[in-house]
Amino acid sequence: MKWKVIPDQAVNCCSWDDEFVFYNKLSGDTHLLGSTATQILLELRQSPSNVLLLTQVLAPRLQAKMVTHEEFSFQIEHLLNELNTLGLIEFS
């Protein structure tokens, strides 16, 4: 199962330190995301992906924040579900 950014989604972003604010044009909502959720969203803007691929791509970049590979994968899966709930991504 792959995730993707919702088509026609124009998401504007501003950042402060490790926090990012995203404005969702489709819903009119603004969301405060951490760096890992932001990296996931940016990856999905490039191409659809799944938990395994996102874990492989993001683990080296965010290594300082991960305890184990399994825990990091679980965190990615949780964040994907959160981004879906926020209406920023969907299944492809």
PDB file of N, CA and C in Angstrom:
ATOM      1  N   MET A   1       0.839  -1.171   0.000  1.00  0.00           N
ATOM      2  CA  MET A   1       0.000   0.000   0.000  1.00  0.00           C
ATOM      3  C   MET A   1       0.886   1.236   0.000  1.00  0.00           C
ATOM      4  N   LYS A   2       0.662   2.113  -0.956  1.00  0.00           N
ATOM      5  CA  LYS A   2       1.454   3.340  -1.052  1.00  0.00           C
ATOM      6  C   LYS A   2       0.601   4.544  -0.675  1.00  0.00           C
ATOM      7  N   TRP A   3       1.283   5.528  -0.138  1.00  0.00           N
ATOM      8  CA  TRP A   3       0.664   6.795   0.224  1.00  0.00           C
ATOM      9  C   TRP A   3       1.115   7.853  -0.762  1.00  0.00           C
ATOM     10  N   LYS A   4       0.281   8.886  -0.936  1.00  0.00           N
ATOM     11  CA  LYS A   4       0.644  10.003  -1.797  1.00  0.00           C
ATOM     12  C   LYS A   4      -0.007  11.275  -1.267  1.00  0.00           C
ATOM     13  N   VAL A   5       0.529  12.402  -1.684  1.00  0.00           N
ATOM     14  CA  VAL A   5      -0.090  13.689  -1.362  1.00  0.00           C
ATOM     15  C   VAL A   5      -1.371  13.773  -2.175  1.00  0.00           C
ATOM     16  N   ILE A   6      -2.414  14.298  -1.576  1.00  0.00           N
ATOM     17  CA  ILE A   6      -3.707  14.424  -2.259  1.00  0.00           C
ATOM     18  C   ILE A   6      -3.536  15.301  -3.498  1.00  0.00           C
ATOM     19  N   PRO A   7      -4.036  14.824  -4.659  1.00  0.00           N
ATOM     20  CA  PRO A   7      -3.900  15.599  -5.904  1.00  0.00           C
ATOM     21  C   PRO A   7      -4.495  17.006  -5.766  1.00  0.00           C
ATOM     22  N   ASP A   8      -3.896  17.936  -6.475  1.00  0.00           N
ATOM     23  CA  ASP A   8      -4.310  19.349  -6.482  1.00  0.00           C
ATOM     24  C   ASP A   8      -4.127  20.010  -5.117  1.00  0.00           C
ATOM     25  N   GLN A   9      -3.385  19.359  -4.256  1.00  0.00           N
ATOM     26  CA  GLN A   9      -3.109  19.890  -2.924  1.00  0.00           C
ATOM     27  C   GLN A   9      -1.999  20.932  -3.043  1.00  0.00           C
ATOM     28  N   ALA A  10      -2.266  22.147  -2.695  1.00  0.00           N
ATOM     29  CA  ALA A  10      -1.249  23.187  -2.641  1.00  0.00           C
ATOM     30  C   ALA A  10      -0.965  23.430  -1.165  1.00  0.00           C
ATOM     31  N   VAL A  11       0.177  22.966  -0.714  1.00  0.00           N
ATOM     32  CA  VAL A  11       0.524  23.081   0.700  1.00  0.00           C
ATOM     33  C   VAL A  11       1.666  24.077   0.831  1.00  0.00           C
ATOM     34  N   ASN A  12       1.424  25.162   1.525  1.00  0.00           N
ATOM     35  CA  ASN A  12       2.473  26.147   1.785  1.00  0.00           C
ATOM     36  C   ASN A  12       3.094  25.859   3.133  1.00  0.00           C
ATOM     37  N   CYS A  13       4.390  26.112   3.256  1.00  0.00           N
ATOM     38  CA  CYS A  13       5.116  25.737   4.469  1.00  0.00           C
ATOM     39  C   CYS A  13       6.007  26.871   4.951  1.00  0.00           C
ATOM     40  N   CYS A  14       6.056  27.030   6.267  1.00  0.00           N
ATOM     41  CA  CYS A  14       6.994  27.927   6.944  1.00  0.00           C
ATOM     42  C   CYS A  14       7.634  27.122   8.074  1.00  0.00           C
ATOM     43  N   SER A  15       8.868  27.436   8.436  1.00  0.00           N
ATOM     44  CA  SER A  15       9.524  26.651   9.493  1.00  0.00           C
ATOM     45  C   SER A  15      10.200  27.529  10.529  1.00  0.00           C
ATOM     46  N   TRP A  16      10.266  26.967  11.739  1.00  0.00           N
ATOM     47  CA  TRP A  16      10.985  27.549  12.858  1.00  0.00           C
ATOM     48  C   TRP A  16      11.651  26.393  13.576  1.00  0.00           C
ATOM     49  N   ASP A  17      12.974  26.371  13.576  1.00  0.00           N
ATOM     50  CA  ASP A  17      13.748  25.294  14.204  1.00  0.00           C
ATOM     51  C   ASP A  17      13.279  23.935  13.675  1.00  0.00           C
ATOM     52  N   ASP A  18      12.777  23.058  14.531  1.00  0.00           N
ATOM     53  CA  ASP A  18      12.334  21.725  14.127  1.00  0.00           C
ATOM     54  C   ASP A  18      10.820  21.627  13.971  1.00  0.00           C
ATOM     55  N   GLU A  19      10.132  22.751  13.867  1.00  0.00           N
ATOM     56  CA  GLU A  19       8.687  22.744  13.697  1.00  0.00           C
ATOM     57  C   GLU A  19       8.334  23.434  12.387  1.00  0.00           C
ATOM     58  N   PHE A  20       7.330  22.886  11.723  1.00  0.00           N
ATOM     59  CA  PHE A  20       6.925  23.379  10.415  1.00  0.00           C
ATOM     60  C   PHE A  20       5.422  23.615  10.416  1.00  0.00           C
ATOM     61  N   VAL A  21       5.001  24.728   9.854  1.00  0.00           N
ATOM     62  CA  VAL A  21       3.588  25.051   9.747  1.00  0.00           C
ATOM     63  C   VAL A  21       3.188  24.879   8.284  1.00  0.00           C
ATOM     64  N   PHE A  22       2.148  24.065   8.059  1.00  0.00           N
ATOM     65  CA  PHE A  22       1.640  23.804   6.718  1.00  0.00           C
ATOM     66  C   PHE A  22       0.226  24.345   6.604  1.00  0.00           C
ATOM     67  N   TYR A  23      -0.007  25.076   5.534  1.00  0.00           N
ATOM     68  CA  TYR A  23      -1.365  25.528   5.218  1.00  0.00           C
ATOM     69  C   TYR A  23      -1.906  24.626   4.122  1.00  0.00           C
ATOM     70  N   ASN A  24      -3.045  24.003   4.381  1.00  0.00           N
ATOM     71  CA  ASN A  24      -3.693  23.099   3.446  1.00  0.00           C
ATOM     72  C   ASN A  24      -4.743  23.891   2.670  1.00  0.00           C
ATOM     73  N   LYS A  25      -4.476  24.146   1.403  1.00  0.00           N
ATOM     74  CA  LYS A  25      -5.386  24.955   0.578  1.00  0.00           C
ATOM     75  C   LYS A  25      -6.752  24.289   0.415  1.00  0.00           C
ATOM     76  N   LEU A  26      -6.790  22.963   0.317  1.00  0.00           N
ATOM     77  CA  LEU A  26      -8.051  22.268   0.095  1.00  0.00           C
ATOM     78  C   LEU A  26      -9.002  22.371   1.288  1.00  0.00           C
ATOM     79  N   SER A  27      -8.443  22.288   2.494  1.00  0.00           N
ATOM     80  CA  SER A  27      -9.302  22.337   3.680  1.00  0.00           C
ATOM     81  C   SER A  27      -9.339  23.715   4.335  1.00  0.00           C
ATOM     82  N   GLY A  28      -8.323  24.533   4.062  1.00  0.00           N
ATOM     83  CA  GLY A  28      -8.213  25.828   4.724  1.00  0.00           C
ATOM     84  C   GLY A  28      -7.611  25.734   6.112  1.00  0.00           C
ATOM     85  N   ASP A  29      -7.133  24.541   6.486  1.00  0.00           N
ATOM     86  CA  ASP A  29      -6.557  24.328   7.815  1.00  0.00           C
ATOM     87  C   ASP A  29      -5.053  24.577   7.811  1.00  0.00           C
ATOM     88  N   THR A  30      -4.543  24.930   8.972  1.00  0.00           N
ATOM     89  CA  THR A  30      -3.113  25.093   9.185  1.00  0.00           C
ATOM     90  C   THR A  30      -2.674  24.041  10.191  1.00  0.00           C
ATOM     91  N   HIS A  31      -1.535  23.387   9.920  1.00  0.00           N
ATOM     92  CA  HIS A  31      -1.057  22.293  10.762  1.00  0.00           C
ATOM     93  C   HIS A  31       0.383  22.531  11.189  1.00  0.00           C
ATOM     94  N   LEU A  32       0.675  22.260  12.459  1.00  0.00           N
ATOM     95  CA  LEU A  32       2.025  22.325  12.994  1.00  0.00           C
ATOM     96  C   LEU A  32       2.583  20.906  13.009  1.00  0.00           C
ATOM     97  N   LEU A  33       3.659  20.677  12.257  1.00  0.00           N
ATOM     98  CA  LEU A  33       4.255  19.347  12.155  1.00  0.00           C
ATOM     99  C   LEU A  33       5.697  19.369  12.622  1.00  0.00           C
ATOM    100  N   GLY A  34       6.131  18.249  13.173  1.00  0.00           N
ATOM    101  CA  GLY A  34       7.528  18.072  13.551  1.00  0.00           C
ATOM    102  C   GLY A  34       8.368  17.726  12.340  1.00  0.00           C
ATOM    103  N   SER A  35       9.675  17.595  12.550  1.00  0.00           N
ATOM    104  CA  SER A  35      10.585  17.371  11.426  1.00  0.00           C
ATOM    105  C   SER A  35      10.370  16.029  10.731  1.00  0.00           C
ATOM    106  N   THR A  36      10.064  14.965  11.474  1.00  0.00           N
ATOM    107  CA  THR A  36       9.868  13.663  10.839  1.00  0.00           C
ATOM    108  C   THR A  36       8.618  13.669   9.967  1.00  0.00           C
ATOM    109  N   ALA A  37       7.523  14.195  10.461  1.00  0.00           N
ATOM    110  CA  ALA A  37       6.288  14.284   9.668  1.00  0.00           C
ATOM    111  C   ALA A  37       6.514  15.146   8.430  1.00  0.00           C
ATOM    112  N   THR A  38       7.275  16.197   8.579  1.00  0.00           N
ATOM    113  CA  THR A  38       7.579  17.072   7.451  1.00  0.00           C
ATOM    114  C   THR A  38       8.400  16.338   6.404  1.00  0.00           C
ATOM    115  N   GLN A  39       9.399  15.577   6.839  1.00  0.00           N
ATOM    116  CA  GLN A  39      10.216  14.808   5.892  1.00  0.00           C
ATOM    117  C   GLN A  39       9.362  13.794   5.137  1.00  0.00           C
ATOM    118  N   ILE A  40       8.421  13.173   5.832  1.00  0.00           N
ATOM    119  CA  ILE A  40       7.506  12.227   5.177  1.00  0.00           C
ATOM    120  C   ILE A  40       6.697  12.947   4.109  1.00  0.00           C
ATOM    121  N   LEU A  41       6.119  14.075   4.469  1.00  0.00           N
ATOM    122  CA  LEU A  41       5.288  14.833   3.533  1.00  0.00           C
ATOM    123  C   LEU A  41       6.105  15.282   2.320  1.00  0.00           C
ATOM    124  N   LEU A  42       7.319  15.731   2.545  1.00  0.00           N
ATOM    125  CA  LEU A  42       8.173  16.165   1.433  1.00  0.00           C
ATOM    126  C   LEU A  42       8.531  15.000   0.522  1.00  0.00           C
ATOM    127  N   GLU A  43       8.790  13.840   1.092  1.00  0.00           N
ATOM    128  CA  GLU A  43       9.073  12.647   0.284  1.00  0.00           C
ATOM    129  C   GLU A  43       7.861  12.274  -0.560  1.00  0.00           C
ATOM    130  N   LEU A  44       6.686  12.330   0.029  1.00  0.00           N
ATOM    131  CA  LEU A  44       5.471  11.958  -0.694  1.00  0.00           C
ATOM    132  C   LEU A  44       5.104  12.971  -1.774  1.00  0.00           C
ATOM    133  N   ARG A  45       5.569  14.192  -1.620  1.00  0.00           N
ATOM    134  CA  ARG A  45       5.348  15.193  -2.670  1.00  0.00           C
ATOM    135  C   ARG A  45       6.136  14.826  -3.921  1.00  0.00           C
ATOM    136  N   GLN A  46       7.268  14.131  -3.728  1.00  0.00           N
ATOM    137  CA  GLN A  46       8.097  13.722  -4.866  1.00  0.00           C
ATOM    138  C   GLN A  46       7.515  12.511  -5.573  1.00  0.00           C
ATOM    139  N   SER A  47       7.047  11.519  -4.781  1.00  0.00           N
ATOM    140  CA  SER A  47       6.456  10.315  -5.374  1.00  0.00           C
ATOM    141  C   SER A  47       5.763   9.497  -4.287  1.00  0.00           C
ATOM    142  N   PRO A  48       4.735   8.732  -4.672  1.00  0.00           N
ATOM    143  CA  PRO A  48       4.062   7.860  -3.704  1.00  0.00           C
ATOM    144  C   PRO A  48       5.055   6.869  -3.098  1.00  0.00           C
ATOM    145  N   SER A  49       4.793   6.472  -1.856  1.00  0.00           N
ATOM    146  CA  SER A  49       5.708   5.557  -1.174  1.00  0.00           C
ATOM    147  C   SER A  49       4.954   4.794  -0.095  1.00  0.00           C
ATOM    148  N   ASN A  50       5.631   3.779   0.462  1.00  0.00           N
ATOM    149  CA  ASN A  50       5.044   3.002   1.549  1.00  0.00           C
ATOM    150  C   ASN A  50       5.930   3.093   2.788  1.00  0.00           C
ATOM    151  N   VAL A  51       5.502   2.453   3.864  1.00  0.00           N
ATOM    152  CA  VAL A  51       6.221   2.538   5.139  1.00  0.00           C
ATOM    153  C   VAL A  51       7.650   2.037   4.994  1.00  0.00           C
ATOM    154  N   LEU A  52       7.835   0.910   4.331  1.00  0.00           N
ATOM    155  CA  LEU A  52       9.164   0.317   4.191  1.00  0.00           C
ATOM    156  C   LEU A  52      10.119   1.251   3.447  1.00  0.00           C
ATOM    157  N   LEU A  53       9.684   1.779   2.315  1.00  0.00           N
ATOM    158  CA  LEU A  53      10.540   2.679   1.541  1.00  0.00           C
ATOM    159  C   LEU A  53      10.830   3.976   2.289  1.00  0.00           C
ATOM    160  N   LEU A  54       9.813   4.519   2.942  1.00  0.00           N
ATOM    161  CA  LEU A  54      10.035   5.751   3.718  1.00  0.00           C
ATOM    162  C   LEU A  54      11.010   5.516   4.864  1.00  0.00           C
ATOM    163  N   THR A  55      10.900   4.367   5.513  1.00  0.00           N
ATOM    164  CA  THR A  55      11.828   4.037   6.597  1.00  0.00           C
ATOM    165  C   THR A  55      13.251   3.957   6.067  1.00  0.00           C
ATOM    166  N   GLN A  56      13.439   3.304   4.931  1.00  0.00           N
ATOM    167  CA  GLN A  56      14.771   3.163   4.349  1.00  0.00           C
ATOM    168  C   GLN A  56      15.368   4.504   3.937  1.00  0.00           C
ATOM    169  N   VAL A  57      14.534   5.379   3.380  1.00  0.00           N
ATOM    170  CA  VAL A  57      15.013   6.680   2.911  1.00  0.00           C
ATOM    171  C   VAL A  57      15.278   7.638   4.064  1.00  0.00           C
ATOM    172  N   LEU A  58      14.378   7.654   5.037  1.00  0.00           N
ATOM    173  CA  LEU A  58      14.467   8.655   6.106  1.00  0.00           C
ATOM    174  C   LEU A  58      15.357   8.248   7.274  1.00  0.00           C
ATOM    175  N   ALA A  59      15.547   6.974   7.493  1.00  0.00           N
ATOM    176  CA  ALA A  59      16.353   6.525   8.639  1.00  0.00           C
ATOM    177  C   ALA A  59      17.756   7.134   8.644  1.00  0.00           C
ATOM    178  N   PRO A  60      18.479   7.121   7.526  1.00  0.00           N
ATOM    179  CA  PRO A  60      19.816   7.735   7.556  1.00  0.00           C
ATOM    180  C   PRO A  60      19.781   9.239   7.855  1.00  0.00           C
ATOM    181  N   ARG A  61      18.773   9.937   7.356  1.00  0.00           N
ATOM    182  CA  ARG A  61      18.658  11.385   7.580  1.00  0.00           C
ATOM    183  C   ARG A  61      18.313  11.728   9.017  1.00  0.00           C
ATOM    184  N   LEU A  62      17.490  10.897   9.642  1.00  0.00           N
ATOM    185  CA  LEU A  62      16.975  11.201  10.980  1.00  0.00           C
ATOM    186  C   LEU A  62      17.529  10.242  12.032  1.00  0.00           C
ATOM    187  N   GLN A  63      18.697   9.697  11.780  1.00  0.00           N
ATOM    188  CA  GLN A  63      19.278   8.652  12.620  1.00  0.00           C
ATOM    189  C   GLN A  63      19.358   9.039  14.089  1.00  0.00           C
ATOM    190  N   ALA A  64      19.655  10.272  14.379  1.00  0.00           N
ATOM    191  CA  ALA A  64      19.791  10.694  15.777  1.00  0.00           C
ATOM    192  C   ALA A  64      18.486  10.551  16.548  1.00  0.00           C
ATOM    193  N   LYS A  65      17.368  10.552  15.848  1.00  0.00           N
ATOM    194  CA  LYS A  65      16.078  10.520  16.520  1.00  0.00           C
ATOM    195  C   LYS A  65      15.493   9.118  16.620  1.00  0.00           C
ATOM    196  N   MET A  66      16.145   8.118  16.036  1.00  0.00           N
ATOM    197  CA  MET A  66      15.544   6.795  16.070  1.00  0.00           C
ATOM    198  C   MET A  66      16.265   5.903  17.060  1.00  0.00           C
ATOM    199  N   VAL A  67      15.487   5.082  17.729  1.00  0.00           N
ATOM    200  CA  VAL A  67      16.042   4.159  18.712  1.00  0.00           C
ATOM    201  C   VAL A  67      16.385   2.843  18.028  1.00  0.00           C
ATOM    202  N   THR A  68      15.425   2.233  17.373  1.00  0.00           N
ATOM    203  CA  THR A  68      15.659   1.018  16.589  1.00  0.00           C
ATOM    204  C   THR A  68      14.947   1.169  15.256  1.00  0.00           C
ATOM    205  N   HIS A  69      15.321   0.327  14.316  1.00  0.00           N
ATOM    206  CA  HIS A  69      14.690   0.347  13.002  1.00  0.00           C
ATOM    207  C   HIS A  69      13.191   0.063  13.114  1.00  0.00           C
ATOM    208  N   GLU A  70      12.818  -0.885  13.954  1.00  0.00           N
ATOM    209  CA  GLU A  70      11.411  -1.248  14.123  1.00  0.00           C
ATOM    210  C   GLU A  70      10.604  -0.107  14.733  1.00  0.00           C
ATOM    211  N   GLU A  71      11.177   0.545  15.739  1.00  0.00           N
ATOM    212  CA  GLU A  71      10.479   1.670  16.367  1.00  0.00           C
ATOM    213  C   GLU A  71      10.320   2.829  15.381  1.00  0.00           C
ATOM    214  N   PHE A  72      11.358   3.053  14.563  1.00  0.00           N
ATOM    215  CA  PHE A  72      11.286   4.129  13.586  1.00  0.00           C
ATOM    216  C   PHE A  72      10.211   3.811  12.542  1.00  0.00           C
ATOM    217  N   SER A  73      10.144   2.566  12.095  1.00  0.00           N
ATOM    218  CA  SER A  73       9.124   2.141  11.142  1.00  0.00           C
ATOM    219  C   SER A  73       7.725   2.333  11.728  1.00  0.00           C
ATOM    220  N   PHE A  74       7.556   1.984  12.993  1.00  0.00           N
ATOM    221  CA  PHE A  74       6.277   2.179  13.667  1.00  0.00           C
ATOM    222  C   PHE A  74       5.927   3.668  13.720  1.00  0.00           C
ATOM    223  N   GLN A  75       6.917   4.509  14.002  1.00  0.00           N
ATOM    224  CA  GLN A  75       6.697   5.957  14.049  1.00  0.00           C
ATOM    225  C   GLN A  75       6.271   6.473  12.670  1.00  0.00           C
ATOM    226  N   ILE A  76       6.913   5.986  11.613  1.00  0.00           N
ATOM    227  CA  ILE A  76       6.549   6.395  10.255  1.00  0.00           C
ATOM    228  C   ILE A  76       5.098   6.015   9.969  1.00  0.00           C
ATOM    229  N   GLU A  77       4.730   4.787  10.311  1.00  0.00           N
ATOM    230  CA  GLU A  77       3.355   4.323  10.083  1.00  0.00           C
ATOM    231  C   GLU A  77       2.342   5.178  10.846  1.00  0.00           C
ATOM    232  N   HIS A  78       2.666   5.498  12.086  1.00  0.00           N
ATOM    233  CA  HIS A  78       1.786   6.347  12.897  1.00  0.00           C
ATOM    234  C   HIS A  78       1.642   7.735  12.262  1.00  0.00           C
ATOM    235  N   LEU A  79       2.743   8.309  11.837  1.00  0.00           N
ATOM    236  CA  LEU A  79       2.698   9.645  11.243  1.00  0.00           C
ATOM    237  C   LEU A  79       1.947   9.648   9.913  1.00  0.00           C
ATOM    238  N   LEU A  80       2.073   8.582   9.131  1.00  0.00           N
ATOM    239  CA  LEU A  80       1.301   8.479   7.893  1.00  0.00           C
ATOM    240  C   LEU A  80      -0.197   8.511   8.192  1.00  0.00           C
ATOM    241  N   ASN A  81      -0.596   7.784   9.226  1.00  0.00           N
ATOM    242  CA  ASN A  81      -2.016   7.786   9.607  1.00  0.00           C
ATOM    243  C   ASN A  81      -2.454   9.170  10.087  1.00  0.00           C
ATOM    244  N   GLU A  82      -1.590   9.857  10.810  1.00  0.00           N
ATOM    245  CA  GLU A  82      -1.906  11.221  11.266  1.00  0.00           C
ATOM    246  C   GLU A  82      -2.037  12.182  10.082  1.00  0.00           C
ATOM    247  N   LEU A  83      -1.095  12.103   9.135  1.00  0.00           N
ATOM    248  CA  LEU A  83      -1.155  12.969   7.956  1.00  0.00           C
ATOM    249  C   LEU A  83      -2.410  12.679   7.129  1.00  0.00           C
ATOM    250  N   ASN A  84      -2.819  11.421   7.098  1.00  0.00           N
ATOM    251  CA  ASN A  84      -4.057  11.046   6.420  1.00  0.00           C
ATOM    252  C   ASN A  84      -5.263  11.662   7.137  1.00  0.00           C
ATOM    253  N   THR A  85      -5.285  11.575   8.454  1.00  0.00           N
ATOM    254  CA  THR A  85      -6.363  12.166   9.248  1.00  0.00           C
ATOM    255  C   THR A  85      -6.457  13.670   9.040  1.00  0.00           C
ATOM    256  N   LEU A  86      -5.313  14.321   8.857  1.00  0.00           N
ATOM    257  CA  LEU A  86      -5.287  15.766   8.632  1.00  0.00           C
ATOM    258  C   LEU A  86      -5.699  16.142   7.204  1.00  0.00           C
ATOM    259  N   GLY A  87      -5.863  15.140   6.343  1.00  0.00           N
ATOM    260  CA  GLY A  87      -6.274  15.412   4.964  1.00  0.00           C
ATOM    261  C   GLY A  87      -5.146  15.863   4.076  1.00  0.00           C
ATOM    262  N   LEU A  88      -3.892  15.549   4.449  1.00  0.00           N
ATOM    263  CA  LEU A  88      -2.747  15.950   3.643  1.00  0.00           C
ATOM    264  C   LEU A  88      -2.307  14.861   2.673  1.00  0.00           C
ATOM    265  N   ILE A  89      -2.568  13.587   3.019  1.00  0.00           N
ATOM    266  CA  ILE A  89      -2.187  12.473   2.157  1.00  0.00           C
ATOM    267  C   ILE A  89      -3.325  11.477   2.055  1.00  0.00           C
ATOM    268  N   GLU A  90      -3.192  10.552   1.112  1.00  0.00           N
ATOM    269  CA  GLU A  90      -4.183   9.492   0.943  1.00  0.00           C
ATOM    270  C   GLU A  90      -3.493   8.268   0.336  1.00  0.00           C
ATOM    271  N   PHE A  91      -4.199   7.125   0.308  1.00  0.00           N
ATOM    272  CA  PHE A  91      -3.684   5.923  -0.339  1.00  0.00           C
ATOM    273  C   PHE A  91      -3.669   6.144  -1.837  1.00  0.00           C
ATOM    274  N   SER A  92      -2.655   5.604  -2.492  1.00  0.00           N
ATOM    275  CA  SER A  92      -2.614   5.714  -3.951  1.00  0.00           C
ATOM    276  C   SER A  92      -3.063   4.433  -4.606  1.00  0.00           C
TER     277      SER A  92
END
